Amino acid sequence: MNKLIGTMIRKYRLEKNYSQEGLCKGVCAVSYLSKIEQGSVEASPEILQGLLHRLGESFDDDPSFLEPAGQIMEEGWQQVFCQGDCPRAEAFIQANRSRLLHGPYLLDALLLEKNSQKNLPKLRELVHCMQPRQYTIFLLLEGRYEEAVQCDPCGFVLLQAGSNQCTKGEYAAALRLLERAWQQSAEEANLRLMILAKTMLGNTYSELQDWQQMDRCYQAALRMLEEVNQPWTEEYISSIHYNVGATLLERQQYAQGWQQLSQCTRQDGLHCHKMAVAAEALGRTAEALDWIERGMKYCEESSYDFCLRQRLELVRFRLEHPDYLQSDAYESMLMDCFYTLQRKGLQGHARFELVWLIRFLQHRRRYKELAELLLQFSSIDSPMTV
């Protein structure tokens, strides 16, 4: 608290070009202001309000607001580390953002509000004021997963780190972290994180094309979900259907993939893309085009960039141009999409597009490029390297 308010006073002072002497004149001694800004003294409310008033700023110390705010923030922190989100705290922050950003719960609001990555520039200025759990979430937002694990190797943090490694295509590291996440979540008696860890292990084995281990993990997650009667279980079951369906499409088992994907209740751009791909392969052209149009509506809404628009346009191009393998325009679109996914570190998504790239290179008899491509993907981590 002392560090936070001292940091904010110093920030406001510098922004408004006040010297220490000019700001504290008639309020306190320069040496005392220096200690306030360093967070080494607990100044009286009268001195703090005098400094803030001169700066044209405020710091909310109304107990009738701060007491319930503190309870909601604490509940939010408990939920984040137990389930990854905190809907009640997010709604409270949205409704009271201005007051929270001018009070002792400034850091909590910046870290717990929805889409908190946008707050990183402000948060970097306040790192020295953070408590351990705040700093852990800050590290996750920064993408510094290894440091976050060192800071707090709890089930939630291990799960985030493992999921990130899977997304990057570092599958051996992902398996190690996700197994730790599973074990730690079991020790914490956190069934929700246990289910998520098993699901992510299934996703990772899917990327490694270890279908037996993938199925084992998904079945374990589904068995746990059968024992739970919570509003979120349907979303998790739907996620497993999506992952199994996407895997079946990669294996070119389109009818089975369509069946799995049709059981999904999730509605997002990636699901629409997979449905369009399955419909295309099954000759259901009108349905494929409809799924493309649905998917396009999500392109602007998604906070994640999976080259969704490009991937949907590729499906549309194939549907509208039966001779697409002869088209230089198709080659340009396909290559750009595939290598953009790779540059972004989205190896699993790049792998999904691999079958069309292979078909294209085979048709054009560009066997050297094809061999190099297959060699690259055959060198990706396998379970044997764990």
Protein backbone atom coordinates (compact mmCIF):
# COMPACT_ATOMS: atom_id res chain seq x y z
CA MET A 1 0.00 0.00 0.00
CA ASN A 2 2.72 2.50 0.96
CA LYS A 3 4.75 1.67 -2.15
CA LEU A 4 1.70 1.88 -4.39
CA ILE A 5 0.45 5.29 -3.28
CA GLY A 6 4.02 6.63 -3.15
CA THR A 7 4.64 5.42 -6.71
CA MET A 8 1.40 7.00 -7.92
CA ILE A 9 2.23 10.35 -6.29
CA ARG A 10 5.67 10.33 -7.92
CA LYS A 11 4.12 9.39 -11.28
CA TYR A 12 1.54 12.19 -11.08
CA ARG A 13 4.24 14.67 -9.95
CA LEU A 14 6.51 13.90 -12.91
CA GLU A 15 3.63 13.93 -15.39
CA LYS A 16 2.65 17.42 -14.19
CA ASN A 17 6.22 18.74 -13.99
CA TYR A 18 6.20 19.39 -10.26
CA SER A 19 9.46 19.46 -8.36
CA GLN A 20 9.45 17.82 -4.94
CA GLU A 21 9.87 21.26 -3.38
CA GLY A 22 6.95 22.71 -5.33
CA LEU A 23 4.63 19.82 -4.54
CA CYS A 24 5.23 19.52 -0.80
CA LYS A 25 5.39 23.24 0.04
CA GLY A 26 3.04 23.84 2.97
CA VAL A 27 2.20 20.13 3.20
CA CYS A 28 5.32 18.31 4.40
CA ALA A 29 9.11 18.42 4.26
CA VAL A 30 10.94 17.52 1.04
CA SER A 31 12.71 14.66 2.82
CA TYR A 32 9.35 13.30 3.99
CA LEU A 33 7.91 13.47 0.46
CA SER A 34 10.93 11.55 -0.77
CA LYS A 35 10.21 8.81 1.78
CA ILE A 36 6.54 8.75 0.76
CA GLU A 37 7.50 8.28 -2.89
CA GLN A 38 9.88 5.48 -1.92
CA GLY A 39 7.15 3.77 0.11
CA SER A 40 9.29 3.76 3.26
CA VAL A 41 6.81 5.66 5.50
CA GLU A 42 3.09 5.46 6.14
CA ALA A 43 1.95 9.03 5.75
CA SER A 44 -1.21 10.35 7.40
CA PRO A 45 -4.38 10.64 5.29
CA GLU A 46 -4.21 14.43 5.66
CA ILE A 47 -0.74 14.65 4.10
CA LEU A 48 -1.63 12.26 1.30
CA GLN A 49 -4.83 14.10 0.46
CA GLY A 50 -2.96 17.43 0.55
CA LEU A 51 -0.40 16.18 -1.98
CA LEU A 52 -3.03 14.58 -4.22
CA HIS A 53 -5.25 17.66 -4.10
CA ARG A 54 -2.36 19.82 -5.29
CA LEU A 55 -1.77 17.36 -8.13
CA GLY A 56 -5.45 17.42 -9.06
CA GLU A 57 -5.75 13.69 -8.35
CA SER A 58 -7.59 11.55 -5.83
CA PHE A 59 -7.08 8.32 -3.92
CA ASP A 60 -10.29 6.59 -2.84
CA ASP A 61 -10.21 5.68 0.85
CA ASP A 62 -13.98 5.41 1.42
CA PRO A 63 -14.43 2.33 3.66
CA SER A 64 -18.02 1.81 2.49
CA PHE A 65 -16.63 1.15 -0.99
CA LEU A 66 -13.26 -0.41 -0.14
CA GLU A 67 -14.56 -3.09 2.20
CA PRO A 68 -16.85 -4.84 -0.34
CA ALA A 69 -14.28 -4.13 -3.08
CA GLY A 70 -11.62 -5.94 -1.07
CA GLN A 71 -13.86 -8.97 -0.59
CA ILE A 72 -14.64 -9.17 -4.29
CA MET A 73 -10.98 -8.77 -5.26
CA GLU A 74 -9.96 -11.55 -2.85
CA GLU A 75 -12.65 -13.80 -4.27
CA GLY A 76 -11.33 -12.96 -7.74
CA TRP A 77 -7.80 -14.01 -6.83
CA GLN A 78 -9.03 -17.30 -5.40
CA GLN A 79 -11.02 -18.00 -8.56
CA VAL A 80 -8.15 -17.13 -10.92
CA PHE A 81 -5.82 -19.66 -9.35
CA CYS A 82 -8.57 -22.28 -9.08
CA GLN A 83 -10.28 -21.97 -12.46
CA GLY A 84 -8.50 -19.33 -14.54
CA ASP A 85 -11.23 -16.68 -14.58
CA CYS A 86 -13.14 -14.52 -12.12
CA PRO A 87 -16.44 -13.36 -13.68
CA ARG A 88 -17.81 -11.58 -10.58
CA ALA A 89 -14.61 -9.59 -10.07
CA GLU A 90 -14.44 -8.78 -13.80
CA ALA A 91 -17.99 -7.39 -13.74
CA PHE A 92 -17.25 -5.37 -10.58
CA ILE A 93 -14.08 -3.92 -12.10
CA GLN A 94 -15.90 -2.95 -15.29
CA ALA A 95 -18.61 -1.18 -13.29
CA ASN A 96 -16.20 0.59 -10.89
CA ARG A 97 -13.02 0.92 -12.93
CA SER A 98 -12.40 4.63 -12.34
CA ARG A 99 -12.69 4.36 -8.55
CA LEU A 100 -10.55 1.22 -8.41
CA LEU A 101 -7.79 2.80 -10.49
CA HIS A 102 -7.60 5.63 -7.96
CA GLY A 103 -7.40 3.50 -4.85
CA PRO A 104 -5.55 0.68 -3.09
CA TYR A 105 -6.97 -1.97 -5.46
CA LEU A 106 -5.38 -0.42 -8.55
CA LEU A 107 -3.10 -3.40 -9.22
CA ASP A 108 -5.85 -5.94 -8.57
CA ALA A 109 -8.11 -4.16 -11.06
CA LEU A 110 -5.42 -3.96 -13.75
CA LEU A 111 -4.52 -7.65 -13.35
CA LEU A 112 -7.96 -9.19 -12.89
CA GLU A 113 -10.05 -7.27 -15.40
CA LYS A 114 -11.00 -8.91 -18.68
CA ASN A 115 -8.38 -8.61 -21.47
CA SER A 116 -5.83 -7.44 -18.92
CA GLN A 117 -2.94 -7.74 -21.39
CA LYS A 118 -3.78 -4.24 -22.59
CA ASN A 119 -2.71 -2.99 -19.15
CA LEU A 120 0.88 -4.26 -19.45
CA PRO A 121 2.46 -0.83 -20.05
CA LYS A 122 0.94 0.49 -16.79
CA LEU A 123 1.75 -2.71 -14.93
CA ARG A 124 5.44 -2.57 -15.88
CA GLU A 125 5.70 0.75 -14.05
CA LEU A 126 4.29 -0.84 -10.88
CA VAL A 127 6.20 -4.14 -10.69
CA HIS A 128 8.04 -3.13 -7.51
CA CYS A 129 4.68 -2.61 -5.78
CA MET A 130 3.34 -6.10 -6.54
CA GLN A 131 2.62 -8.86 -4.07
CA PRO A 132 3.77 -12.39 -5.05
CA ARG A 133 0.46 -13.53 -6.55
CA GLN A 134 0.14 -10.27 -8.48
CA TYR A 135 3.66 -10.68 -9.82
CA THR A 136 2.91 -14.28 -10.87
CA ILE A 137 -0.06 -13.20 -12.99
CA PHE A 138 1.99 -10.32 -14.40
CA LEU A 139 4.65 -12.80 -15.52
CA LEU A 140 1.99 -14.92 -17.25
CA LEU A 141 0.62 -11.85 -19.03
CA GLU A 142 4.16 -11.02 -20.17
CA GLY A 143 4.61 -14.54 -21.52
CA ARG A 144 7.43 -15.24 -19.03
CA TYR A 145 6.13 -18.69 -18.18
CA GLU A 146 9.34 -20.21 -16.84
CA GLU A 147 9.72 -17.38 -14.34
CA ALA A 148 6.07 -17.71 -13.34
CA VAL A 149 6.57 -21.41 -12.60
CA GLN A 150 9.60 -20.58 -10.47
CA CYS A 151 7.57 -17.91 -8.66
CA ASP A 152 4.57 -20.17 -7.94
CA PRO A 153 4.53 -23.78 -9.24
CA CYS A 154 0.82 -24.25 -8.51
CA GLY A 155 -1.51 -26.24 -10.75
CA PHE A 156 -2.86 -23.19 -12.58
CA VAL A 157 0.55 -21.73 -13.42
CA LEU A 158 1.94 -25.12 -14.54
CA LEU A 159 -1.12 -25.58 -16.75
CA GLN A 160 -0.63 -22.16 -18.38
CA ALA A 161 3.07 -22.86 -18.97
CA GLY A 162 2.39 -26.30 -20.43
CA SER A 163 -0.37 -25.02 -22.70
CA ASN A 164 1.97 -22.33 -23.99
CA GLN A 165 4.68 -24.88 -24.80
CA CYS A 166 2.13 -27.00 -26.67
CA THR A 167 1.01 -23.98 -28.73
CA LYS A 168 4.65 -23.25 -29.61
CA GLY A 169 5.22 -26.86 -30.73
CA GLU A 170 7.58 -27.66 -27.83
CA TYR A 171 5.76 -30.90 -27.10
CA ALA A 172 8.31 -32.65 -24.87
CA ALA A 173 8.41 -29.64 -22.54
CA ALA A 174 4.62 -29.38 -22.72
CA LEU A 175 4.18 -32.98 -21.59
CA ARG A 176 6.50 -32.51 -18.63
CA LEU A 177 4.73 -29.35 -17.47
CA LEU A 178 1.23 -30.72 -18.03
CA GLU A 179 1.98 -33.92 -16.12
CA ARG A 180 3.19 -31.72 -13.25
CA ALA A 181 0.04 -29.61 -13.59
CA TRP A 182 -2.09 -32.76 -13.34
CA GLN A 183 -0.26 -34.01 -10.26
CA GLN A 184 -0.19 -30.62 -8.55
CA SER A 185 -3.89 -30.02 -9.25
CA ALA A 186 -4.66 -33.42 -7.72
CA GLU A 187 -2.69 -32.43 -4.61
CA GLU A 188 -4.67 -29.20 -4.48
CA ALA A 189 -7.90 -31.24 -4.87
CA ASN A 190 -8.84 -28.99 -7.80
CA LEU A 191 -10.96 -31.16 -10.10
CA ARG A 192 -11.48 -28.42 -12.67
CA LEU A 193 -7.74 -27.95 -13.23
CA MET A 194 -7.25 -31.73 -13.26
CA ILE A 195 -9.75 -31.99 -16.11
CA LEU A 196 -8.07 -29.14 -18.00
CA ALA A 197 -4.63 -30.70 -17.52
CA LYS A 198 -5.82 -34.07 -18.86
CA THR A 199 -7.50 -32.35 -21.80
CA MET A 200 -4.33 -30.42 -22.64
CA LEU A 201 -2.30 -33.62 -22.37
CA GLY A 202 -4.71 -35.13 -24.89
CA ASN A 203 -4.22 -32.11 -27.17
CA THR A 204 -0.44 -32.48 -26.92
CA TYR A 205 -0.50 -36.20 -27.73
CA SER A 206 -2.77 -35.36 -30.66
CA GLU A 207 -0.14 -32.98 -32.02
CA LEU A 208 2.41 -35.78 -31.63
CA GLN A 209 0.03 -38.13 -33.49
CA ASP A 210 0.06 -40.52 -30.55
CA TRP A 211 -3.59 -41.44 -30.91
CA GLN A 212 -3.62 -44.07 -28.15
CA GLN A 213 -2.29 -41.69 -25.49
CA MET A 214 -4.56 -38.92 -26.81
CA ASP A 215 -7.63 -41.12 -26.40
CA ARG A 216 -6.52 -42.25 -22.94
CA CYS A 217 -6.26 -38.64 -21.73
CA TYR A 218 -9.54 -37.52 -23.29
CA GLN A 219 -11.39 -40.52 -21.85
CA ALA A 220 -9.98 -39.76 -18.39
CA ALA A 221 -11.15 -36.14 -18.69
CA LEU A 222 -14.63 -37.26 -19.82
CA ARG A 223 -14.93 -39.70 -16.91
CA MET A 224 -14.15 -36.89 -14.47
CA LEU A 225 -16.65 -34.62 -16.21
CA GLU A 226 -19.38 -37.25 -15.80
CA GLU A 227 -18.93 -36.94 -12.03
CA VAL A 228 -19.34 -33.18 -12.02
CA ASN A 229 -22.61 -31.29 -12.21
CA GLN A 230 -21.46 -27.74 -12.88
CA PRO A 231 -22.43 -25.14 -15.52
CA TRP A 232 -18.94 -25.27 -17.05
CA THR A 233 -18.89 -29.03 -17.77
CA GLU A 234 -20.75 -28.70 -21.07
CA GLU A 235 -18.11 -26.28 -22.36
CA TYR A 236 -15.31 -28.71 -21.47
CA ILE A 237 -17.09 -31.69 -23.07
CA SER A 238 -17.63 -29.59 -26.19
CA SER A 239 -13.93 -28.69 -26.23
CA ILE A 240 -12.98 -32.38 -26.20
CA HIS A 241 -15.38 -33.10 -29.09
CA TYR A 242 -13.76 -30.23 -31.00
CA ASN A 243 -10.22 -31.50 -30.36
CA VAL A 244 -11.09 -35.07 -31.34
CA GLY A 245 -12.92 -33.81 -34.44
CA ALA A 246 -10.01 -31.62 -35.52
CA THR A 247 -7.62 -34.56 -35.03
CA LEU A 248 -9.83 -36.81 -37.18
CA LEU A 249 -9.81 -34.18 -39.94
CA GLU A 250 -6.00 -34.12 -39.82
CA ARG A 251 -6.10 -37.90 -40.28
CA GLN A 252 -8.47 -37.33 -43.23
CA GLN A 253 -11.28 -39.20 -41.49
CA TYR A 254 -13.78 -36.57 -42.50
CA ALA A 255 -17.09 -38.32 -41.76
CA GLN A 256 -16.01 -39.19 -38.21
CA GLY A 257 -14.61 -35.68 -37.77
CA TRP A 258 -17.89 -34.14 -38.92
CA GLN A 259 -19.76 -36.31 -36.40
CA GLN A 260 -17.54 -35.20 -33.50
CA LEU A 261 -17.60 -31.53 -34.48
CA SER A 262 -21.39 -31.60 -34.83
CA GLN A 263 -21.61 -32.46 -31.13
CA CYS A 264 -19.81 -29.24 -30.16
CA THR A 265 -21.80 -26.55 -28.44
CA ARG A 266 -18.91 -24.09 -28.78
CA GLN A 267 -19.36 -21.37 -31.35
CA ASP A 268 -16.21 -19.64 -32.52
CA GLY A 269 -14.24 -19.08 -35.67
CA LEU A 270 -12.01 -22.13 -35.34
CA HIS A 271 -15.02 -24.42 -34.97
CA CYS A 272 -16.60 -22.85 -38.06
CA HIS A 273 -13.35 -23.39 -39.97
CA LYS A 274 -13.22 -27.09 -39.06
CA MET A 275 -16.89 -27.57 -40.00
CA ALA A 276 -16.22 -25.89 -43.36
CA VAL A 277 -13.23 -28.17 -44.00
CA ALA A 278 -15.24 -31.29 -43.12
CA ALA A 279 -18.18 -30.21 -45.29
CA GLU A 280 -15.81 -29.46 -48.18
CA ALA A 281 -14.28 -32.94 -47.99
CA LEU A 282 -17.72 -34.59 -47.80
CA GLY A 283 -18.98 -32.73 -50.87
CA ARG A 284 -21.45 -30.61 -48.90
CA THR A 285 -20.55 -27.41 -50.70
CA ALA A 286 -23.51 -25.25 -49.66
CA GLU A 287 -22.97 -26.13 -46.00
CA ALA A 288 -19.25 -25.45 -46.30
CA LEU A 289 -19.89 -21.98 -47.70
CA ASP A 290 -22.39 -21.31 -44.92
CA TRP A 291 -19.82 -22.27 -42.27
CA ILE A 292 -17.27 -19.98 -43.94
CA GLU A 293 -19.69 -17.05 -43.70
CA ARG A 294 -20.35 -17.83 -40.05
CA GLY A 295 -16.63 -18.04 -39.37
CA MET A 296 -15.95 -14.68 -41.01
CA LYS A 297 -18.19 -13.01 -38.42
CA TYR A 298 -15.78 -14.12 -35.70
CA CYS A 299 -12.64 -12.80 -37.38
CA GLU A 300 -12.93 -9.29 -35.92
CA GLU A 301 -14.12 -10.50 -32.51
CA SER A 302 -11.36 -12.95 -31.66
CA SER A 303 -8.58 -11.78 -29.33
CA TYR A 304 -6.30 -14.48 -30.78
CA ASP A 305 -4.81 -14.43 -34.24
CA PHE A 306 -4.85 -17.89 -35.81
CA CYS A 307 -4.88 -16.53 -39.42
CA LEU A 308 -8.56 -17.42 -39.34
CA ARG A 309 -9.64 -15.18 -42.21
CA GLN A 310 -6.87 -16.53 -44.47
CA ARG A 311 -7.76 -20.12 -43.61
CA LEU A 312 -11.44 -19.60 -44.33
CA GLU A 313 -10.59 -17.90 -47.63
CA LEU A 314 -8.46 -20.91 -48.59
CA VAL A 315 -11.45 -23.22 -48.13
CA ARG A 316 -13.63 -20.83 -50.15
CA PHE A 317 -11.04 -20.70 -52.94
CA ARG A 318 -10.95 -24.50 -53.20
CA LEU A 319 -14.75 -24.67 -53.33
CA GLU A 320 -15.06 -21.97 -55.98
CA HIS A 321 -12.07 -23.09 -58.11
CA PRO A 322 -12.06 -26.83 -58.83
CA ASP A 323 -8.70 -26.36 -60.59
CA TYR A 324 -7.15 -24.67 -57.54
CA LEU A 325 -4.03 -26.86 -57.73
CA GLN A 326 -3.19 -25.11 -61.00
CA SER A 327 -3.58 -21.64 -59.52
CA ASP A 328 -0.63 -19.42 -58.63
CA ALA A 329 -3.02 -17.28 -56.55
CA TYR A 330 -3.89 -20.35 -54.45
CA GLU A 331 -0.21 -21.13 -53.99
CA SER A 332 0.45 -17.60 -52.74
CA MET A 333 -2.48 -17.74 -50.29
CA LEU A 334 -1.55 -21.20 -49.02
CA MET A 335 2.16 -20.49 -48.57
CA ASP A 336 1.50 -17.18 -46.83
CA CYS A 337 -0.99 -18.75 -44.43
CA PHE A 338 1.18 -21.79 -43.64
CA TYR A 339 4.41 -19.92 -43.01
CA THR A 340 2.66 -17.14 -41.09
CA LEU A 341 1.30 -19.76 -38.70
CA GLN A 342 4.81 -21.15 -38.34
CA ARG A 343 6.33 -17.73 -37.69
CA LYS A 344 3.75 -17.13 -34.98
CA GLY A 345 4.85 -20.38 -33.33
CA LEU A 346 1.45 -22.02 -33.94
CA GLN A 347 2.85 -25.38 -35.00
CA GLY A 348 -0.36 -27.33 -34.40
CA HIS A 349 -2.35 -24.96 -36.60
CA ALA A 350 0.35 -25.10 -39.27
CA ARG A 351 0.24 -28.91 -39.13
CA PHE A 352 -3.50 -28.82 -39.79
CA GLU A 353 -2.89 -26.98 -43.08
CA LEU A 354 -0.04 -29.36 -43.99
CA VAL A 355 -2.20 -31.84 -45.94
CA TRP A 356 -3.17 -29.18 -48.49
CA LEU A 357 0.40 -28.02 -48.87
CA ILE A 358 1.52 -31.61 -49.46
CA ARG A 359 -1.18 -32.09 -52.10
CA PHE A 360 -0.14 -28.91 -53.84
CA LEU A 361 3.58 -29.75 -53.90
CA GLN A 362 2.85 -33.28 -55.11
CA HIS A 363 0.67 -31.97 -57.91
CA ARG A 364 3.36 -29.52 -58.99
CA ARG A 365 6.04 -32.25 -58.68
CA ARG A 366 8.11 -30.12 -56.36
CA TYR A 367 9.49 -33.14 -54.56
CA LYS A 368 12.55 -31.48 -53.05
CA GLU A 369 10.39 -28.91 -51.21
CA LEU A 370 8.04 -31.71 -50.18
CA ALA A 371 10.87 -33.79 -48.74
CA GLU A 372 12.23 -30.82 -46.79
CA LEU A 373 8.77 -30.08 -45.42
CA LEU A 374 8.17 -33.66 -44.31
CA LEU A 375 11.62 -33.80 -42.73
CA GLN A 376 10.87 -30.63 -40.78
CA PHE A 377 7.65 -32.02 -39.33
CA SER A 378 9.12 -35.43 -38.62
CA SER A 379 11.76 -33.74 -36.44
CA ILE A 380 9.18 -32.17 -34.08
CA ASP A 381 9.33 -33.47 -30.51
CA SER A 382 7.93 -36.94 -29.94
CA PRO A 383 6.99 -38.73 -26.69
CA MET A 384 10.24 -40.70 -26.89
CA THR A 385 12.20 -37.50 -26.15
CA VAL A 386 10.50 -36.88 -22.78
